[in-house]
Amino acid sequence: MVWLSRKCEKCGKYTLKKEQCPYCGGKVRVPHPPKFSPDDKYLMYRMALKKGGQLSEGDVH
């Protein structure tokens, strides 16, 4: 699925521009959460990034 709208991380306004915010010049991102899947192969990696932790070699399957 293609997401057209973007949200500025700096001012919080929405735009269709993909490069930068036309209002303040800030970085834009897709405001929608990723699609949920109960058998997510990458859950461990996303949780480690969210917590700011690092994965050790024993964590990788």
C-alpha atoms as a PDB file:
ATOM      1  CA  MET A   1       0.000   0.000   0.000  1.00  0.00           C
ATOM      2  CA  VAL A   2       1.308   3.445  -0.905  1.00  0.00           C
ATOM      3  CA  TRP A   3       1.073   6.220   1.683  1.00  0.00           C
ATOM      4  CA  LEU A   4       0.911   9.674   0.117  1.00  0.00           C
ATOM      5  CA  SER A   5       0.692  11.925   3.159  1.00  0.00           C
ATOM      6  CA  ARG A   6       3.726  12.780   5.266  1.00  0.00           C
ATOM      7  CA  LYS A   7       4.021  14.488   8.660  1.00  0.00           C
ATOM      8  CA  CYS A   8       6.749  16.939   9.613  1.00  0.00           C
ATOM      9  CA  GLU A   9       8.731  15.868  12.676  1.00  0.00           C
ATOM     10  CA  LYS A  10       9.531  19.479  13.532  1.00  0.00           C
ATOM     11  CA  CYS A  11       6.240  21.408  13.224  1.00  0.00           C
ATOM     12  CA  GLY A  12       3.726  18.511  13.042  1.00  0.00           C
ATOM     13  CA  LYS A  13       1.984  19.681   9.854  1.00  0.00           C
ATOM     14  CA  TYR A  14       0.930  17.271   7.121  1.00  0.00           C
ATOM     15  CA  THR A  15       2.124  17.512   3.526  1.00  0.00           C
ATOM     16  CA  LEU A  16       2.329  15.532   0.287  1.00  0.00           C
ATOM     17  CA  LYS A  17       5.988  16.476  -0.261  1.00  0.00           C
ATOM     18  CA  LYS A  18       8.430  13.599   0.266  1.00  0.00           C
ATOM     19  CA  GLU A  19      11.714  15.487   0.639  1.00  0.00           C
ATOM     20  CA  GLN A  20      11.114  18.090   3.362  1.00  0.00           C
ATOM     21  CA  CYS A  21       8.390  20.151   4.991  1.00  0.00           C
ATOM     22  CA  PRO A  22       7.363  23.141   2.827  1.00  0.00           C
ATOM     23  CA  TYR A  23       6.455  25.149   5.952  1.00  0.00           C
ATOM     24  CA  CYS A  24       9.571  24.850   8.129  1.00  0.00           C
ATOM     25  CA  GLY A  25      12.035  22.749   6.086  1.00  0.00           C
ATOM     26  CA  GLY A  26      12.015  19.915   8.639  1.00  0.00           C
ATOM     27  CA  LYS A  27      12.303  16.185   8.018  1.00  0.00           C
ATOM     28  CA  VAL A  28       9.065  14.402   7.025  1.00  0.00           C
ATOM     29  CA  ARG A  29       7.996  10.808   7.728  1.00  0.00           C
ATOM     30  CA  VAL A  30       5.044   8.517   7.057  1.00  0.00           C
ATOM     31  CA  PRO A  31       2.602   9.009   9.967  1.00  0.00           C
ATOM     32  CA  HIS A  32       0.968   5.584   9.665  1.00  0.00           C
ATOM     33  CA  PRO A  33       2.049   2.614  11.807  1.00  0.00           C
ATOM     34  CA  PRO A  34       3.407  -0.500  10.074  1.00  0.00           C
ATOM     35  CA  LYS A  35       0.984  -3.258   9.162  1.00  0.00           C
ATOM     36  CA  PHE A  36       0.448  -5.768  12.006  1.00  0.00           C
ATOM     37  CA  SER A  37       1.145  -9.446  11.580  1.00  0.00           C
ATOM     38  CA  PRO A  38       0.916 -12.036  14.403  1.00  0.00           C
ATOM     39  CA  ASP A  39       3.838 -14.003  12.938  1.00  0.00           C
ATOM     40  CA  ASP A  40       6.162 -11.009  12.575  1.00  0.00           C
ATOM     41  CA  LYS A  41       9.711 -12.116  11.744  1.00  0.00           C
ATOM     42  CA  TYR A  42      11.241  -8.770  12.708  1.00  0.00           C
ATOM     43  CA  LEU A  43       9.507  -8.099  16.046  1.00  0.00           C
ATOM     44  CA  MET A  44      12.666  -8.733  18.067  1.00  0.00           C
ATOM     45  CA  TYR A  45      14.636  -6.191  16.001  1.00  0.00           C
ATOM     46  CA  ARG A  46      11.965  -3.487  16.179  1.00  0.00           C
ATOM     47  CA  MET A  47      11.602  -3.891  19.937  1.00  0.00           C
ATOM     48  CA  ALA A  48      15.382  -3.600  20.388  1.00  0.00           C
ATOM     49  CA  LEU A  49      15.420  -0.400  18.328  1.00  0.00           C
ATOM     50  CA  LYS A  50      12.472   1.025  20.231  1.00  0.00           C
ATOM     51  CA  LYS A  51      14.117   0.336  23.590  1.00  0.00           C
ATOM     52  CA  GLY A  52      17.418   1.713  22.326  1.00  0.00           C
ATOM     53  CA  GLY A  53      19.210  -1.516  23.138  1.00  0.00           C
ATOM     54  CA  GLN A  54      21.598  -3.568  21.103  1.00  0.00           C
ATOM     55  CA  LEU A  55      21.122  -7.173  20.036  1.00  0.00           C
ATOM     56  CA  SER A  56      23.747  -9.674  21.118  1.00  0.00           C
ATOM     57  CA  GLU A  57      24.828 -12.632  18.992  1.00  0.00           C
ATOM     58  CA  GLY A  58      22.756 -14.988  21.156  1.00  0.00           C
ATOM     59  CA  ASP A  59      19.560 -13.090  20.292  1.00  0.00           C
ATOM     60  CA  VAL A  60      19.778 -13.747  16.548  1.00  0.00           C
ATOM     61  CA  HIS A  61      18.087 -16.968  15.391  1.00  0.00           C
END
